């Protein structure tokens, strides 16, 4: 099973995701800030992370930059989530350049499973 980091400033979404993934046997660390995410990543190994793009006054992109610099082995296992469905063309191009998948909120919980299973397969 996987160890997953879920970073989102919306407490209700964090609780639902933790419940969903935990029932599937995964270990989930859920936090609401970039600082808390860095603390988790510095102290615990994780297989992958779901990161909200907009975390109040912070950006999930800041966390991605930190991961790219400090834990590059995890960089390919970042999936962004966002409630900003109405992206314009320039935002879509910027996200495409990230080379990371993006799940639009509200996403189906089952959508998380494919990513987590891929992370599990990598660690086998």
C-alpha atoms as a PDB file:
ATOM      1  CA  UNK A   1       0.000   0.000   0.000  1.00  0.00           C
ATOM      2  CA  UNK A   2       1.027   3.613  -0.482  1.00  0.00           C
ATOM      3  CA  UNK A   3       1.882   6.456   1.845  1.00  0.00           C
ATOM      4  CA  UNK A   4       0.170   9.563   0.497  1.00  0.00           C
ATOM      5  CA  UNK A   5       0.413  13.250   1.295  1.00  0.00           C
ATOM      6  CA  UNK A   6      -2.762  15.271   0.662  1.00  0.00           C
ATOM      7  CA  UNK A   7      -2.323  19.062   0.845  1.00  0.00           C
ATOM      8  CA  UNK A   8      -5.476  21.175   0.794  1.00  0.00           C
ATOM      9  CA  UNK A   9      -6.625  24.164   2.837  1.00  0.00           C
ATOM     10  CA  UNK A  10     -10.218  22.868   2.811  1.00  0.00           C
ATOM     11  CA  UNK A  11     -10.621  20.732   5.921  1.00  0.00           C
ATOM     12  CA  UNK A  12     -13.775  18.946   4.715  1.00  0.00           C
ATOM     13  CA  UNK A  13     -12.064  17.762   1.533  1.00  0.00           C
ATOM     14  CA  UNK A  14      -9.020  16.594   3.506  1.00  0.00           C
ATOM     15  CA  UNK A  15     -11.230  14.522   5.817  1.00  0.00           C
ATOM     16  CA  UNK A  16     -13.076  12.866   2.917  1.00  0.00           C
ATOM     17  CA  UNK A  17      -9.860  12.050   1.050  1.00  0.00           C
ATOM     18  CA  UNK A  18      -8.221  10.644   4.186  1.00  0.00           C
ATOM     19  CA  UNK A  19     -11.252   8.465   4.855  1.00  0.00           C
ATOM     20  CA  UNK A  20     -11.411   7.227   1.236  1.00  0.00           C
ATOM     21  CA  UNK A  21      -7.736   6.334   0.919  1.00  0.00           C
ATOM     22  CA  UNK A  22      -7.452   4.916   4.443  1.00  0.00           C
ATOM     23  CA  UNK A  23     -10.349   2.536   3.789  1.00  0.00           C
ATOM     24  CA  UNK A  24      -8.330   1.258   0.827  1.00  0.00           C
ATOM     25  CA  UNK A  25      -5.419   0.461   3.114  1.00  0.00           C
ATOM     26  CA  UNK A  26      -3.195   3.465   2.399  1.00  0.00           C
ATOM     27  CA  UNK A  27      -1.486   5.683   4.942  1.00  0.00           C
ATOM     28  CA  UNK A  28      -2.494   9.312   4.444  1.00  0.00           C
ATOM     29  CA  UNK A  29      -0.955  12.455   5.882  1.00  0.00           C
ATOM     30  CA  UNK A  30      -3.235  15.431   5.282  1.00  0.00           C
ATOM     31  CA  UNK A  31      -2.208  19.028   5.900  1.00  0.00           C
ATOM     32  CA  UNK A  32      -3.463  22.470   4.962  1.00  0.00           C
ATOM     33  CA  UNK A  33      -0.302  24.515   4.361  1.00  0.00           C
ATOM     34  CA  UNK A  34       2.933  24.381   2.413  1.00  0.00           C
ATOM     35  CA  UNK A  35       4.915  24.622   5.668  1.00  0.00           C
ATOM     36  CA  UNK A  36       3.091  21.645   7.163  1.00  0.00           C
ATOM     37  CA  UNK A  37       3.615  19.678   3.946  1.00  0.00           C
ATOM     38  CA  UNK A  38       7.355  20.368   4.062  1.00  0.00           C
ATOM     39  CA  UNK A  39       7.431  19.200   7.697  1.00  0.00           C
ATOM     40  CA  UNK A  40       5.769  15.916   6.732  1.00  0.00           C
ATOM     41  CA  UNK A  41       8.082  15.420   3.768  1.00  0.00           C
ATOM     42  CA  UNK A  42      11.164  16.081   5.890  1.00  0.00           C
ATOM     43  CA  UNK A  43      10.160  13.555   8.518  1.00  0.00           C
ATOM     44  CA  UNK A  44       8.248  10.811   6.695  1.00  0.00           C
ATOM     45  CA  UNK A  45       8.692   9.002   3.397  1.00  0.00           C
ATOM     46  CA  UNK A  46       5.752   9.346   1.011  1.00  0.00           C
ATOM     47  CA  UNK A  47       5.048   7.682  -2.316  1.00  0.00           C
ATOM     48  CA  UNK A  48       3.119  10.575  -3.843  1.00  0.00           C
ATOM     49  CA  UNK A  49       1.254  13.782  -3.134  1.00  0.00           C
ATOM     50  CA  UNK A  50      -1.999  15.424  -4.129  1.00  0.00           C
ATOM     51  CA  UNK A  51      -1.505  19.185  -3.820  1.00  0.00           C
ATOM     52  CA  UNK A  52      -4.121  21.912  -4.097  1.00  0.00           C
ATOM     53  CA  UNK A  53      -2.914  24.679  -6.396  1.00  0.00           C
ATOM     54  CA  UNK A  54      -4.299  27.446  -4.204  1.00  0.00           C
ATOM     55  CA  UNK A  55      -3.769  27.133  -0.463  1.00  0.00           C
ATOM     56  CA  UNK A  56      -5.126  30.373   0.916  1.00  0.00           C
ATOM     57  CA  UNK A  57      -2.228  32.815   0.560  1.00  0.00           C
ATOM     58  CA  UNK A  58       0.117  30.101  -0.661  1.00  0.00           C
ATOM     59  CA  UNK A  59       0.466  28.188  -3.886  1.00  0.00           C
ATOM     60  CA  UNK A  60       0.925  24.482  -4.390  1.00  0.00           C
ATOM     61  CA  UNK A  61       3.491  25.491  -6.992  1.00  0.00           C
ATOM     62  CA  UNK A  62       5.704  26.707  -4.135  1.00  0.00           C
ATOM     63  CA  UNK A  63       5.574  23.214  -2.675  1.00  0.00           C
ATOM     64  CA  UNK A  64       6.350  21.702  -6.057  1.00  0.00           C
ATOM     65  CA  UNK A  65       9.446  23.915  -6.325  1.00  0.00           C
ATOM     66  CA  UNK A  66      10.562  22.811  -2.854  1.00  0.00           C
ATOM     67  CA  UNK A  67      10.022  19.134  -3.733  1.00  0.00           C
ATOM     68  CA  UNK A  68      11.902  19.546  -7.021  1.00  0.00           C
ATOM     69  CA  UNK A  69      14.856  20.958  -5.088  1.00  0.00           C
ATOM     70  CA  UNK A  70      14.841  18.869  -1.910  1.00  0.00           C
ATOM     71  CA  UNK A  71      13.131  15.586  -2.858  1.00  0.00           C
ATOM     72  CA  UNK A  72      13.413  15.240  -6.627  1.00  0.00           C
ATOM     73  CA  UNK A  73      12.596  11.523  -6.442  1.00  0.00           C
ATOM     74  CA  UNK A  74       9.042  12.586  -5.529  1.00  0.00           C
ATOM     75  CA  UNK A  75       8.650  15.214  -8.275  1.00  0.00           C
ATOM     76  CA  UNK A  76       7.036  12.884 -10.806  1.00  0.00           C
ATOM     77  CA  UNK A  77       4.457  11.775  -8.220  1.00  0.00           C
ATOM     78  CA  UNK A  78       2.739  15.109  -7.682  1.00  0.00           C
ATOM     79  CA  UNK A  79      -0.874  15.510  -8.769  1.00  0.00           C
ATOM     80  CA  UNK A  80      -2.399  18.960  -8.495  1.00  0.00           C
ATOM     81  CA  UNK A  81      -6.029  19.505  -7.521  1.00  0.00           C
ATOM     82  CA  UNK A  82      -7.890  22.753  -8.052  1.00  0.00           C
ATOM     83  CA  UNK A  83     -11.328  24.276  -7.831  1.00  0.00           C
ATOM     84  CA  UNK A  84     -10.482  26.814 -10.518  1.00  0.00           C
ATOM     85  CA  UNK A  85     -12.392  25.086 -13.287  1.00  0.00           C
ATOM     86  CA  UNK A  86     -12.578  28.207 -15.437  1.00  0.00           C
ATOM     87  CA  UNK A  87      -8.954  28.316 -16.477  1.00  0.00           C
ATOM     88  CA  UNK A  88      -8.160  30.550 -19.369  1.00  0.00           C
ATOM     89  CA  UNK A  89      -5.859  29.557 -22.201  1.00  0.00           C
ATOM     90  CA  UNK A  90      -2.741  30.998 -20.551  1.00  0.00           C
ATOM     91  CA  UNK A  91      -3.403  29.131 -17.288  1.00  0.00           C
ATOM     92  CA  UNK A  92      -3.954  25.881 -19.179  1.00  0.00           C
ATOM     93  CA  UNK A  93      -0.637  26.345 -21.000  1.00  0.00           C
ATOM     94  CA  UNK A  94       1.124  27.034 -17.704  1.00  0.00           C
ATOM     95  CA  UNK A  95      -0.315  23.896 -16.118  1.00  0.00           C
ATOM     96  CA  UNK A  96       0.584  21.810 -19.161  1.00  0.00           C
ATOM     97  CA  UNK A  97       4.184  22.959 -18.807  1.00  0.00           C
ATOM     98  CA  UNK A  98       4.259  21.543 -15.293  1.00  0.00           C
ATOM     99  CA  UNK A  99       4.113  18.061 -16.735  1.00  0.00           C
ATOM    100  CA  UNK A 100       1.931  16.996 -13.839  1.00  0.00           C
ATOM    101  CA  UNK A 101      -1.674  15.853 -13.855  1.00  0.00           C
ATOM    102  CA  UNK A 102      -4.393  18.163 -12.571  1.00  0.00           C
ATOM    103  CA  UNK A 103      -7.687  17.012 -11.058  1.00  0.00           C
ATOM    104  CA  UNK A 104     -10.491  19.559 -11.126  1.00  0.00           C
ATOM    105  CA  UNK A 105     -12.586  19.915  -7.976  1.00  0.00           C
ATOM    106  CA  UNK A 106     -15.003  18.469  -7.392  1.00  0.00           C
ATOM    107  CA  UNK A 107     -13.242  15.287  -8.444  1.00  0.00           C
ATOM    108  CA  UNK A 108     -14.490  11.767  -8.013  1.00  0.00           C
ATOM    109  CA  UNK A 109     -12.671  10.006  -5.180  1.00  0.00           C
ATOM    110  CA  UNK A 110     -12.118   7.029  -7.441  1.00  0.00           C
ATOM    111  CA  UNK A 111      -9.978   9.338  -9.620  1.00  0.00           C
ATOM    112  CA  UNK A 112      -7.352   9.273  -6.861  1.00  0.00           C
ATOM    113  CA  UNK A 113      -7.037   5.497  -7.038  1.00  0.00           C
ATOM    114  CA  UNK A 114      -5.289   5.295 -10.413  1.00  0.00           C
ATOM    115  CA  UNK A 115      -2.532   7.641  -9.260  1.00  0.00           C
ATOM    116  CA  UNK A 116      -2.051   5.864  -5.941  1.00  0.00           C
ATOM    117  CA  UNK A 117      -1.936   2.460  -7.654  1.00  0.00           C
ATOM    118  CA  UNK A 118       0.739   3.763 -10.021  1.00  0.00           C
ATOM    119  CA  UNK A 119       2.785   4.939  -7.033  1.00  0.00           C
ATOM    120  CA  UNK A 120       2.405   1.521  -5.407  1.00  0.00           C
ATOM    121  CA  UNK A 121       3.528  -0.204  -8.611  1.00  0.00           C
ATOM    122  CA  UNK A 122       6.644   2.000  -8.743  1.00  0.00           C
ATOM    123  CA  UNK A 123       7.671   1.011  -5.237  1.00  0.00           C
ATOM    124  CA  UNK A 124       7.311  -2.732  -5.866  1.00  0.00           C
END
